[in-house]
C-alpha atoms as a PDB file:
ATOM      1  CA  MET A   1      -0.204  30.596   0.052  1.00  0.00           C
ATOM      2  CA  ASP A   2       2.610  31.561   2.469  1.00  0.00           C
ATOM      3  CA  GLU A   3       0.158  31.566   5.360  1.00  0.00           C
ATOM      4  CA  GLU A   4      -1.030  28.039   4.507  1.00  0.00           C
ATOM      5  CA  ARG A   5       2.555  26.792   4.336  1.00  0.00           C
ATOM      6  CA  ARG A   6       3.475  28.425   7.638  1.00  0.00           C
ATOM      7  CA  ASP A   7       0.486  26.933   9.433  1.00  0.00           C
ATOM      8  CA  ALA A   8       1.327  23.418   8.214  1.00  0.00           C
ATOM      9  CA  SER A   9       5.047  23.519   9.095  1.00  0.00           C
ATOM     10  CA  PRO A  10       4.982  22.182  12.698  1.00  0.00           C
ATOM     11  CA  GLU A  11       2.547  19.447  11.686  1.00  0.00           C
ATOM     12  CA  ALA A  12       4.818  18.267   8.868  1.00  0.00           C
ATOM     13  CA  GLY A  13       7.579  17.914  11.443  1.00  0.00           C
ATOM     14  CA  ARG A  14       5.404  15.547  13.463  1.00  0.00           C
ATOM     15  CA  ILE A  15       4.941  13.314  10.426  1.00  0.00           C
ATOM     16  CA  GLN A  16       8.648  13.337   9.628  1.00  0.00           C
ATOM     17  CA  GLU A  17       9.518  12.296  13.183  1.00  0.00           C
ATOM     18  CA  ALA A  18       6.921   9.491  13.148  1.00  0.00           C
ATOM     19  CA  ALA A  19       8.219   8.268   9.781  1.00  0.00           C
ATOM     20  CA  GLU A  20      11.764   8.110  11.125  1.00  0.00           C
ATOM     21  CA  ARG A  21      10.614   6.080  14.127  1.00  0.00           C
ATOM     22  CA  PHE A  22       8.667   3.684  11.940  1.00  0.00           C
ATOM     23  CA  THR A  23      11.456   3.250   9.370  1.00  0.00           C
ATOM     24  CA  ALA A  24      14.147   2.674  12.000  1.00  0.00           C
ATOM     25  CA  ASN A  25      11.988   0.080  13.738  1.00  0.00           C
ATOM     26  CA  VAL A  26      11.213  -1.899  10.570  1.00  0.00           C
ATOM     27  CA  GLU A  27      14.882  -1.752   9.557  1.00  0.00           C
ATOM     28  CA  ARG A  28      15.742  -3.637  12.735  1.00  0.00           C
ATOM     29  CA  VAL A  29      14.306  -6.614  10.858  1.00  0.00           C
ATOM     30  CA  LEU A  30      14.635  -5.766   7.174  1.00  0.00           C
ATOM     31  CA  VAL A  31      18.026  -4.828   5.738  1.00  0.00           C
ATOM     32  CA  GLY A  32      18.549  -2.099   3.139  1.00  0.00           C
ATOM     33  CA  LYS A  33      14.959  -1.466   1.991  1.00  0.00           C
ATOM     34  CA  GLU A  34      14.439   2.082   3.237  1.00  0.00           C
ATOM     35  CA  GLU A  35      12.584   3.307   0.141  1.00  0.00           C
ATOM     36  CA  THR A  36      10.073   0.451   0.246  1.00  0.00           C
ATOM     37  CA  VAL A  37       9.504   1.006   3.982  1.00  0.00           C
ATOM     38  CA  ARG A  38       8.906   4.680   3.252  1.00  0.00           C
ATOM     39  CA  PHE A  39       6.312   3.767   0.630  1.00  0.00           C
ATOM     40  CA  ILE A  40       4.486   1.659   3.204  1.00  0.00           C
ATOM     41  CA  PHE A  41       4.407   4.582   5.625  1.00  0.00           C
ATOM     42  CA  VAL A  42       3.026   6.757   2.821  1.00  0.00           C
ATOM     43  CA  ALA A  43       0.220   4.207   2.406  1.00  0.00           C
ATOM     44  CA  LEU A  44      -0.429   4.249   6.159  1.00  0.00           C
ATOM     45  CA  LEU A  45      -0.788   8.040   6.109  1.00  0.00           C
ATOM     46  CA  CYS A  46      -3.197   7.828   3.163  1.00  0.00           C
ATOM     47  CA  GLU A  47      -5.021   4.795   4.593  1.00  0.00           C
ATOM     48  CA  GLY A  48      -4.289   3.063   1.319  1.00  0.00           C
ATOM     49  CA  HIS A  49      -3.430  -0.562   0.672  1.00  0.00           C
ATOM     50  CA  VAL A  50      -0.085  -2.020  -0.384  1.00  0.00           C
ATOM     51  CA  LEU A  51       0.713  -4.876  -2.776  1.00  0.00           C
ATOM     52  CA  ILE A  52       4.220  -6.272  -2.311  1.00  0.00           C
ATOM     53  CA  GLU A  53       5.211  -8.272  -5.376  1.00  0.00           C
ATOM     54  CA  ASP A  54       8.541 -10.037  -5.755  1.00  0.00           C
ATOM     55  CA  VAL A  55      10.208 -13.422  -6.093  1.00  0.00           C
ATOM     56  CA  PRO A  56      10.120 -15.919  -3.196  1.00  0.00           C
ATOM     57  CA  GLY A  57      12.456 -15.536  -0.263  1.00  0.00           C
ATOM     58  CA  VAL A  58      13.352 -11.833  -0.464  1.00  0.00           C
ATOM     59  CA  GLY A  59      11.318 -10.848   2.607  1.00  0.00           C
ATOM     60  CA  LYS A  60       7.834  -9.850   1.400  1.00  0.00           C
ATOM     61  CA  THR A  61       5.954 -11.406   4.309  1.00  0.00           C
ATOM     62  CA  LEU A  62       8.690 -10.371   6.732  1.00  0.00           C
ATOM     63  CA  LEU A  63       8.313  -6.743   5.648  1.00  0.00           C
ATOM     64  CA  ALA A  64       4.538  -6.853   6.007  1.00  0.00           C
ATOM     65  CA  ARG A  65       4.720  -8.432   9.476  1.00  0.00           C
ATOM     66  CA  ALA A  66       7.424  -6.023  10.666  1.00  0.00           C
ATOM     67  CA  ALA A  67       5.385  -3.019   9.501  1.00  0.00           C
ATOM     68  CA  ALA A  68       2.279  -4.367  11.215  1.00  0.00           C
ATOM     69  CA  ARG A  69       4.105  -5.024  14.492  1.00  0.00           C
ATOM     70  CA  SER A  70       5.513  -1.493  14.451  1.00  0.00           C
ATOM     71  CA  LEU A  71       1.975  -0.217  14.988  1.00  0.00           C
ATOM     72  CA  ALA A  72       0.103  -0.586  18.266  1.00  0.00           C
ATOM     73  CA  CYS A  73      -2.965  -1.812  16.397  1.00  0.00           C
ATOM     74  CA  SER A  74      -4.827  -5.079  16.035  1.00  0.00           C
ATOM     75  CA  PHE A  75      -3.121  -7.334  13.502  1.00  0.00           C
ATOM     76  CA  ARG A  76      -4.271 -10.458  11.657  1.00  0.00           C
ATOM     77  CA  ARG A  77      -2.690 -12.598   8.952  1.00  0.00           C
ATOM     78  CA  ILE A  78      -4.485 -14.501   6.201  1.00  0.00           C
ATOM     79  CA  GLN A  79      -2.726 -17.244   4.247  1.00  0.00           C
ATOM     80  CA  CYS A  80      -4.427 -17.573   0.886  1.00  0.00           C
ATOM     81  CA  THR A  81      -5.090 -20.986  -0.662  1.00  0.00           C
ATOM     82  CA  PRO A  82      -7.403 -22.062  -3.513  1.00  0.00           C
ATOM     83  CA  ASP A  83      -9.937 -23.492  -1.031  1.00  0.00           C
ATOM     84  CA  LEU A  84     -10.196 -20.258   1.001  1.00  0.00           C
ATOM     85  CA  LEU A  85     -13.822 -19.064   1.141  1.00  0.00           C
ATOM     86  CA  PRO A  86     -15.147 -15.496   1.542  1.00  0.00           C
ATOM     87  CA  SER A  87     -16.628 -16.492   4.913  1.00  0.00           C
ATOM     88  CA  ASP A  88     -13.144 -17.546   6.072  1.00  0.00           C
ATOM     89  CA  ILE A  89     -12.102 -13.917   5.654  1.00  0.00           C
ATOM     90  CA  MET A  90     -15.227 -11.920   6.456  1.00  0.00           C
ATOM     91  CA  GLY A  91     -16.754 -14.065   9.195  1.00  0.00           C
ATOM     92  CA  LEU A  92     -20.150 -15.693   9.447  1.00  0.00           C
ATOM     93  CA  GLN A  93     -23.431 -15.853  11.303  1.00  0.00           C
ATOM     94  CA  TYR A  94     -23.741 -18.968  13.468  1.00  0.00           C
ATOM     95  CA  PHE A  95     -26.488 -20.325  15.683  1.00  0.00           C
ATOM     96  CA  ASN A  96     -25.659 -20.227  19.386  1.00  0.00           C
ATOM     97  CA  PRO A  97     -27.660 -22.991  21.115  1.00  0.00           C
ATOM     98  CA  LYS A  98     -27.123 -21.372  24.521  1.00  0.00           C
ATOM     99  CA  THR A  99     -28.900 -18.169  23.562  1.00  0.00           C
ATOM    100  CA  SER A 100     -31.036 -19.686  20.767  1.00  0.00           C
ATOM    101  CA  GLU A 101     -29.976 -16.761  18.557  1.00  0.00           C
ATOM    102  CA  PHE A 102     -27.735 -16.216  15.566  1.00  0.00           C
ATOM    103  CA  GLU A 103     -24.500 -14.411  16.366  1.00  0.00           C
ATOM    104  CA  PHE A 104     -21.803 -12.921  14.189  1.00  0.00           C
ATOM    105  CA  ARG A 105     -18.302 -14.328  14.457  1.00  0.00           C
ATOM    106  CA  PRO A 106     -15.913 -11.837  12.796  1.00  0.00           C
ATOM    107  CA  GLY A 107     -13.244 -13.091  10.445  1.00  0.00           C
ATOM    108  CA  PRO A 108      -9.597 -12.023  10.313  1.00  0.00           C
ATOM    109  CA  ILE A 109     -10.401  -9.060   8.060  1.00  0.00           C
ATOM    110  CA  VAL A 110     -11.838  -7.271  11.123  1.00  0.00           C
ATOM    111  CA  ALA A 111      -8.540  -5.770  12.291  1.00  0.00           C
ATOM    112  CA  ASN A 112      -6.512  -2.604  11.813  1.00  0.00           C
ATOM    113  CA  ILE A 113      -3.642  -4.191   9.898  1.00  0.00           C
ATOM    114  CA  VAL A 114      -4.294  -7.275   7.780  1.00  0.00           C
ATOM    115  CA  VAL A 115      -1.477  -9.132   6.036  1.00  0.00           C
ATOM    116  CA  ILE A 116      -2.790 -11.249   3.147  1.00  0.00           C
ATOM    117  CA  ASP A 117      -0.054 -13.648   2.106  1.00  0.00           C
ATOM    118  CA  GLU A 118       0.045 -14.857  -1.529  1.00  0.00           C
ATOM    119  CA  ILE A 119      -3.198 -13.111  -2.409  1.00  0.00           C
ATOM    120  CA  ASN A 120      -3.143 -14.448  -5.968  1.00  0.00           C
ATOM    121  CA  ARG A 121      -3.598 -17.997  -4.653  1.00  0.00           C
ATOM    122  CA  ALA A 122      -7.167 -17.173  -3.572  1.00  0.00           C
ATOM    123  CA  MET A 123      -9.935 -17.888  -6.060  1.00  0.00           C
ATOM    124  CA  PRO A 124     -11.639 -14.953  -7.829  1.00  0.00           C
ATOM    125  CA  ARG A 125     -14.758 -15.325  -5.655  1.00  0.00           C
ATOM    126  CA  THR A 126     -12.668 -14.817  -2.524  1.00  0.00           C
ATOM    127  CA  GLN A 127     -10.636 -12.003  -4.081  1.00  0.00           C
ATOM    128  CA  SER A 128     -13.813 -10.153  -5.034  1.00  0.00           C
ATOM    129  CA  ALA A 129     -15.008 -10.340  -1.429  1.00  0.00           C
ATOM    130  CA  LEU A 130     -12.168  -7.967  -0.579  1.00  0.00           C
ATOM    131  CA  LEU A 131     -13.368  -5.190  -2.915  1.00  0.00           C
ATOM    132  CA  GLU A 132     -15.930  -3.740  -0.510  1.00  0.00           C
ATOM    133  CA  CYS A 133     -13.651  -3.692   2.501  1.00  0.00           C
ATOM    134  CA  MET A 134     -10.737  -2.189   0.535  1.00  0.00           C
ATOM    135  CA  GLN A 135     -12.745   0.742  -0.810  1.00  0.00           C
ATOM    136  CA  GLU A 136     -15.668   1.323   1.567  1.00  0.00           C
ATOM    137  CA  ARG A 137     -13.885  -0.070   4.649  1.00  0.00           C
ATOM    138  CA  GLN A 138     -16.891  -2.133   5.603  1.00  0.00           C
ATOM    139  CA  ILE A 139     -18.083  -5.705   5.186  1.00  0.00           C
ATOM    140  CA  THR A 140     -21.502  -7.146   4.415  1.00  0.00           C
ATOM    141  CA  VAL A 141     -22.358 -10.535   5.886  1.00  0.00           C
ATOM    142  CA  ASP A 142     -25.824 -11.834   5.062  1.00  0.00           C
ATOM    143  CA  LEU A 143     -27.922  -8.664   5.398  1.00  0.00           C
ATOM    144  CA  ALA A 144     -25.753  -6.881   7.950  1.00  0.00           C
ATOM    145  CA  THR A 145     -23.202  -4.217   6.994  1.00  0.00           C
ATOM    146  CA  LEU A 146     -20.476  -3.639   9.560  1.00  0.00           C
ATOM    147  CA  PRO A 147     -17.792  -0.915   9.545  1.00  0.00           C
ATOM    148  CA  LEU A 148     -14.177  -1.987   9.836  1.00  0.00           C
ATOM    149  CA  PRO A 149     -11.937  -0.538  12.568  1.00  0.00           C
ATOM    150  CA  ARG A 150      -9.831   2.518  11.792  1.00  0.00           C
ATOM    151  CA  PRO A 151      -7.090   2.774  10.792  1.00  0.00           C
ATOM    152  CA  PHE A 152      -7.492  -0.028   8.284  1.00  0.00           C
ATOM    153  CA  LEU A 153      -4.743  -1.227   5.968  1.00  0.00           C
ATOM    154  CA  ILE A 154      -4.265  -4.342   3.853  1.00  0.00           C
ATOM    155  CA  MET A 155      -0.726  -5.418   3.020  1.00  0.00           C
ATOM    156  CA  ALA A 156      -0.864  -8.192   0.441  1.00  0.00           C
ATOM    157  CA  THR A 157       2.015 -10.194  -0.982  1.00  0.00           C
ATOM    158  CA  GLN A 158       2.175 -11.790  -4.403  1.00  0.00           C
ATOM    159  CA  ASN A 159       4.628 -14.116  -6.128  1.00  0.00           C
ATOM    160  CA  PRO A 160       4.896 -13.246  -9.862  1.00  0.00           C
ATOM    161  CA  ILE A 161       6.947 -16.326 -10.758  1.00  0.00           C
ATOM    162  CA  GLU A 162       4.703 -19.284  -9.912  1.00  0.00           C
ATOM    163  CA  LEU A 163       1.644 -19.475 -12.138  1.00  0.00           C
ATOM    164  CA  GLU A 164       0.273 -22.919 -11.252  1.00  0.00           C
ATOM    165  CA  GLY A 165      -2.569 -22.662  -8.758  1.00  0.00           C
ATOM    166  CA  THR A 166      -2.720 -18.861  -8.943  1.00  0.00           C
ATOM    167  CA  PHE A 167      -5.419 -16.466 -10.132  1.00  0.00           C
ATOM    168  CA  PRO A 168      -4.370 -13.053 -11.509  1.00  0.00           C
ATOM    169  CA  LEU A 169      -5.828 -10.115  -9.611  1.00  0.00           C
ATOM    170  CA  PRO A 170      -8.591  -8.352 -11.573  1.00  0.00           C
ATOM    171  CA  GLU A 171      -8.094  -4.729 -12.598  1.00  0.00           C
ATOM    172  CA  ALA A 172     -10.822  -3.571 -10.199  1.00  0.00           C
ATOM    173  CA  GLN A 173      -8.833  -4.989  -7.312  1.00  0.00           C
ATOM    174  CA  LEU A 174      -5.432  -3.775  -8.503  1.00  0.00           C
ATOM    175  CA  ASP A 175      -6.894  -0.279  -8.754  1.00  0.00           C
ATOM    176  CA  ARG A 176      -7.744  -0.440  -5.052  1.00  0.00           C
ATOM    177  CA  PHE A 177      -4.119  -0.927  -4.073  1.00  0.00           C
ATOM    178  CA  LEU A 178      -2.593   2.490  -3.575  1.00  0.00           C
ATOM    179  CA  ILE A 179       1.007   1.302  -3.975  1.00  0.00           C
ATOM    180  CA  GLN A 180       2.730  -1.696  -5.491  1.00  0.00           C
ATOM    181  CA  ALA A 181       6.248  -2.182  -4.191  1.00  0.00           C
ATOM    182  CA  GLY A 182       9.031  -4.695  -4.602  1.00  0.00           C
ATOM    183  CA  LEU A 183      12.167  -5.592  -2.701  1.00  0.00           C
ATOM    184  CA  GLY A 184      14.684  -7.134  -5.078  1.00  0.00           C
ATOM    185  CA  TYR A 185      17.761  -9.114  -4.156  1.00  0.00           C
ATOM    186  CA  PRO A 186      20.082  -7.651  -1.506  1.00  0.00           C
ATOM    187  CA  SER A 187      23.602  -6.466  -2.227  1.00  0.00           C
ATOM    188  CA  VAL A 188      26.621  -8.435  -1.021  1.00  0.00           C
ATOM    189  CA  ASP A 189      26.959  -6.316   2.119  1.00  0.00           C
ATOM    190  CA  GLU A 190      23.228  -6.446   2.815  1.00  0.00           C
ATOM    191  CA  GLU A 191      23.142 -10.225   2.465  1.00  0.00           C
ATOM    192  CA  GLY A 192      26.020 -10.495   4.904  1.00  0.00           C
ATOM    193  CA  ALA A 193      24.132  -8.274   7.353  1.00  0.00           C
ATOM    194  CA  ILE A 194      21.089 -10.543   6.998  1.00  0.00           C
ATOM    195  CA  LEU A 195      23.119 -13.613   7.911  1.00  0.00           C
ATOM    196  CA  THR A 196      24.562 -11.837  10.945  1.00  0.00           C
ATOM    197  CA  ARG A 197      21.239 -10.397  12.107  1.00  0.00           C
ATOM    198  CA  PHE A 198      19.306 -13.662  11.834  1.00  0.00           C
ATOM    199  CA  GLY A 199      22.168 -15.906  12.899  1.00  0.00           C
ATOM    200  CA  ARG A 200      21.127 -16.236  16.550  1.00  0.00           C
ATOM    201  CA  GLU A 201      17.491 -15.167  16.731  1.00  0.00           C
ATOM    202  CA  ASN A 202      14.707 -13.674  14.661  1.00  0.00           C
ATOM    203  CA  PRO A 203      14.583  -9.917  15.421  1.00  0.00           C
ATOM    204  CA  LEU A 204      10.883  -9.952  14.534  1.00  0.00           C
ATOM    205  CA  ASP A 205      10.193 -11.874  17.754  1.00  0.00           C
ATOM    206  CA  THR A 206      11.302  -8.901  19.894  1.00  0.00           C
ATOM    207  CA  LEU A 207      10.054  -6.093  17.668  1.00  0.00           C
ATOM    208  CA  GLU A 208       7.928  -3.568  19.566  1.00  0.00           C
ATOM    209  CA  SER A 209       5.378  -1.042  18.343  1.00  0.00           C
ATOM    210  CA  VAL A 210       6.456   2.582  17.906  1.00  0.00           C
ATOM    211  CA  LEU A 211       3.246   4.207  16.666  1.00  0.00           C
ATOM    212  CA  ALA A 212      -0.228   4.065  18.207  1.00  0.00           C
ATOM    213  CA  GLY A 213      -3.376   3.813  16.141  1.00  0.00           C
ATOM    214  CA  ALA A 214      -4.805   7.074  17.508  1.00  0.00           C
ATOM    215  CA  GLU A 215      -1.601   8.920  16.613  1.00  0.00           C
ATOM    216  CA  LEU A 216      -1.672   7.466  13.103  1.00  0.00           C
ATOM    217  CA  ILE A 217      -5.265   8.616  12.585  1.00  0.00           C
ATOM    218  CA  ASP A 218      -4.276  12.112  13.710  1.00  0.00           C
ATOM    219  CA  LEU A 219      -1.328  12.160  11.313  1.00  0.00           C
ATOM    220  CA  GLN A 220      -3.635  11.072   8.485  1.00  0.00           C
ATOM    221  CA  LYS A 221      -5.692  14.220   9.077  1.00  0.00           C
ATOM    222  CA  VAL A 222      -2.542  16.333   9.139  1.00  0.00           C
ATOM    223  CA  CYS A 223      -1.543  15.009   5.697  1.00  0.00           C
ATOM    224  CA  ARG A 224      -4.704  16.395   4.141  1.00  0.00           C
ATOM    225  CA  ARG A 225      -3.540  19.889   5.104  1.00  0.00           C
ATOM    226  CA  ILE A 226      -0.195  19.699   3.299  1.00  0.00           C
ATOM    227  CA  PHE A 227      -0.265  22.428   0.664  1.00  0.00           C
ATOM    228  CA  VAL A 228      -0.425  21.517  -3.030  1.00  0.00           C
ATOM    229  CA  GLU A 229       0.363  24.363  -5.435  1.00  0.00           C
ATOM    230  CA  PRO A 230      -2.193  24.522  -8.304  1.00  0.00           C
ATOM    231  CA  LEU A 231       0.655  24.191 -10.827  1.00  0.00           C
ATOM    232  CA  VAL A 232       1.834  21.003  -9.098  1.00  0.00           C
ATOM    233  CA  ALA A 233      -1.729  19.659  -9.064  1.00  0.00           C
ATOM    234  CA  ALA A 234      -1.999  20.406 -12.780  1.00  0.00           C
ATOM    235  CA  TYR A 235       1.286  18.557 -13.382  1.00  0.00           C
ATOM    236  CA  LEU A 236      -0.023  15.551 -11.452  1.00  0.00           C
ATOM    237  CA  ILE A 237      -3.189  15.504 -13.540  1.00  0.00           C
ATOM    238  CA  ALA A 238      -1.171  15.803 -16.760  1.00  0.00           C
ATOM    239  CA  VAL A 239       0.902  12.744 -15.802  1.00  0.00           C
ATOM    240  CA  ALA A 240      -2.226  10.697 -15.036  1.00  0.00           C
ATOM    241  CA  ARG A 241      -3.978  11.785 -18.237  1.00  0.00           C
ATOM    242  CA  ALA A 242      -0.894  10.992 -20.303  1.00  0.00           C
ATOM    243  CA  THR A 243      -1.294   7.321 -19.350  1.00  0.00           C
ATOM    244  CA  ARG A 244      -4.748   7.349 -20.966  1.00  0.00           C
ATOM    245  CA  GLU A 245      -3.432   8.830 -24.217  1.00  0.00           C
ATOM    246  CA  HIS A 246      -0.180   6.882 -24.595  1.00  0.00           C
ATOM    247  CA  LEU A 247      -0.024   4.769 -27.751  1.00  0.00           C
ATOM    248  CA  ASP A 248       1.264   1.684 -25.904  1.00  0.00           C
ATOM    249  CA  ILE A 249      -1.419   1.700 -23.173  1.00  0.00           C
ATOM    250  CA  ARG A 250      -4.851   0.100 -23.569  1.00  0.00           C
ATOM    251  CA  LEU A 251      -6.138   1.095 -20.113  1.00  0.00           C
ATOM    252  CA  GLY A 252      -4.767   4.177 -18.359  1.00  0.00           C
ATOM    253  CA  ALA A 253      -4.828   5.391 -14.778  1.00  0.00           C
ATOM    254  CA  SER A 254      -8.247   6.003 -13.211  1.00  0.00           C
ATOM    255  CA  PRO A 255      -9.378   9.120 -11.312  1.00  0.00           C
ATOM    256  CA  ARG A 256      -8.918   6.996  -8.182  1.00  0.00           C
ATOM    257  CA  ALA A 257      -5.245   6.756  -9.158  1.00  0.00           C
ATOM    258  CA  SER A 258      -5.015  10.539  -9.561  1.00  0.00           C
ATOM    259  CA  LEU A 259      -6.542  11.049  -6.121  1.00  0.00           C
ATOM    260  CA  GLY A 260      -4.212   8.458  -4.621  1.00  0.00           C
ATOM    261  CA  LEU A 261      -1.179  10.132  -6.205  1.00  0.00           C
ATOM    262  CA  HIS A 262      -2.314  13.502  -4.859  1.00  0.00           C
ATOM    263  CA  GLN A 263      -2.728  12.220  -1.295  1.00  0.00           C
ATOM    264  CA  ALA A 264       0.474  10.193  -1.424  1.00  0.00           C
ATOM    265  CA  ALA A 265       2.443  13.220  -2.636  1.00  0.00           C
ATOM    266  CA  GLN A 266       1.148  15.158   0.386  1.00  0.00           C
ATOM    267  CA  ALA A 267       2.285  12.342   2.674  1.00  0.00           C
ATOM    268  CA  LEU A 268       5.720  12.052   1.066  1.00  0.00           C
ATOM    269  CA  ALA A 269       6.273  15.806   1.263  1.00  0.00           C
ATOM    270  CA  ALA A 270       5.584  15.697   5.007  1.00  0.00           C
ATOM    271  CA  ILE A 271       7.840  12.656   5.459  1.00  0.00           C
ATOM    272  CA  ARG A 272      10.600  14.643   3.753  1.00  0.00           C
ATOM    273  CA  GLY A 273      10.045  17.504   6.205  1.00  0.00           C
ATOM    274  CA  ARG A 274       8.134  19.866   3.922  1.00  0.00           C
ATOM    275  CA  ASN A 275       4.697  21.353   4.334  1.00  0.00           C
ATOM    276  CA  TYR A 276       4.156  21.677   0.574  1.00  0.00           C
ATOM    277  CA  VAL A 277       4.343  19.324  -2.398  1.00  0.00           C
ATOM    278  CA  ILE A 278       6.902  19.690  -5.196  1.00  0.00           C
ATOM    279  CA  PRO A 279       7.025  17.908  -8.594  1.00  0.00           C
ATOM    280  CA  ASP A 280       9.781  15.584  -7.347  1.00  0.00           C
ATOM    281  CA  ASP A 281       7.287  14.081  -4.869  1.00  0.00           C
ATOM    282  CA  VAL A 282       4.977  13.239  -7.767  1.00  0.00           C
ATOM    283  CA  LYS A 283       7.874  11.785  -9.786  1.00  0.00           C
ATOM    284  CA  THR A 284       9.014   9.562  -6.905  1.00  0.00           C
ATOM    285  CA  LEU A 285       5.538   8.076  -6.470  1.00  0.00           C
ATOM    286  CA  ALA A 286       4.371   7.867 -10.094  1.00  0.00           C
ATOM    287  CA  VAL A 287       5.727   4.371 -10.812  1.00  0.00           C
ATOM    288  CA  PRO A 288       4.636   2.626  -7.558  1.00  0.00           C
ATOM    289  CA  ILE A 289       1.174   4.217  -7.736  1.00  0.00           C
ATOM    290  CA  LEU A 290       0.383   4.200 -11.465  1.00  0.00           C
ATOM    291  CA  ALA A 291       2.273   1.314 -13.104  1.00  0.00           C
ATOM    292  CA  HIS A 292       0.278  -1.593 -11.639  1.00  0.00           C
ATOM    293  CA  ARG A 293      -3.002   0.008 -12.737  1.00  0.00           C
ATOM    294  CA  LEU A 294      -2.082   0.146 -16.429  1.00  0.00           C
ATOM    295  CA  ILE A 295      -2.780  -2.434 -19.142  1.00  0.00           C
ATOM    296  CA  LEU A 296      -0.416  -2.410 -22.090  1.00  0.00           C
ATOM    297  CA  LYS A 297      -1.491  -3.246 -25.616  1.00  0.00           C
ATOM    298  CA  PRO A 298      -0.463  -6.750 -26.761  1.00  0.00           C
ATOM    299  CA  GLU A 299       1.803  -5.379 -29.468  1.00  0.00           C
ATOM    300  CA  ALA A 300       3.607  -3.241 -26.880  1.00  0.00           C
ATOM    301  CA  ARG A 301       4.277  -6.314 -24.739  1.00  0.00           C
ATOM    302  CA  LEU A 302       5.628  -8.139 -27.779  1.00  0.00           C
ATOM    303  CA  ARG A 303       8.127  -5.319 -28.195  1.00  0.00           C
ATOM    304  CA  GLY A 304       9.272  -5.860 -24.609  1.00  0.00           C
ATOM    305  CA  ARG A 305       7.604  -2.790 -23.129  1.00  0.00           C
ATOM    306  CA  THR A 306       6.717  -2.766 -19.419  1.00  0.00           C
ATOM    307  CA  GLU A 307       4.352  -0.605 -17.393  1.00  0.00           C
ATOM    308  CA  PRO A 308       7.076   0.996 -15.203  1.00  0.00           C
ATOM    309  CA  ALA A 309       9.118   1.863 -18.310  1.00  0.00           C
ATOM    310  CA  VAL A 310       6.106   3.566 -19.908  1.00  0.00           C
ATOM    311  CA  VAL A 311       5.428   5.613 -16.761  1.00  0.00           C
ATOM    312  CA  LYS A 312       9.088   6.705 -16.651  1.00  0.00           C
ATOM    313  CA  GLU A 313       8.849   7.702 -20.304  1.00  0.00           C
ATOM    314  CA  ILE A 314       5.763   9.795 -19.527  1.00  0.00           C
ATOM    315  CA  LEU A 315       7.591  11.539 -16.683  1.00  0.00           C
ATOM    316  CA  GLU A 316      10.319  12.501 -19.150  1.00  0.00           C
ATOM    317  CA  THR A 317       7.856  13.968 -21.651  1.00  0.00           C
ATOM    318  CA  VAL A 318       5.348  15.829 -19.447  1.00  0.00           C
ATOM    319  CA  PRO A 319       6.661  19.356 -18.794  1.00  0.00           C
ATOM    320  CA  VAL A 320       7.563  20.044 -15.157  1.00  0.00           C
ATOM    321  CA  PRO A 321       6.174  23.336 -13.774  1.00  0.00           C
ATOM    322  CA  VAL A 322       8.718  25.942 -12.743  1.00  0.00           C
ATOM    323  CA  GLU A 323       8.089  29.090 -10.773  1.00  0.00           C
END
């Protein structure tokens, strides 16, 4: 075990340094949301997808665009509306009269970083078209299956307040989002800093990339080598399984959630400068990774229970391993 930890140490330092560069760059635009920015970098290292859910006007789209611009990768943005079709996202085959042949015109999903704004405004047919690309990282148009570029990350935003003209995301799609994050309202000092920072110009207009796609892919491989003690892995599994046995939960976390929590804990450990995972890494990530995948029983909702509260309760009851 000591040998594995020693071998991983310099590599963990590389991830920590890259995370600091990324966080500092995004914080040139976004004020006081360091934890949420860190969660996004965790998703980048795991090549997972992020759902940013919060009320209007707190900076959801701004965060997604700032994170995308911080990477020297191809970037596209999709604005969801009820009339958006799957072909508007995936692309289509069209007849070229000059060559007398059908040619494929790729849609905006064919990019490294894709920001999908107000994803719950797209109809279920369009939402379901995203399932293949989110999990298999490929698209199928007519009879042709095409791989998506790597790295590939979807950052979707969702407004939980407005219900008219929206379509709730199905559980199969929610399960494909590695992390769900929120922003919340800023403090008094943070709101003052926002007014000062955006008073003359939008800092997003001059934001430059700080991390290349090739470097990110390399760091993703490094994350897989971060050591996970068997006792910590057993603790992670116990937390995930507890969601399936809790009396207030109708649908618990899937094995995909357990795998995502495992990989994300490796990434967070490296971001924190360690080459091994500890239970605190699992605790930090349990709510953003597990809560949005759960379905509470109706009677639990009537009692005012929420998914994050249930996950926190589970973390308090599952014994933490000690050496």
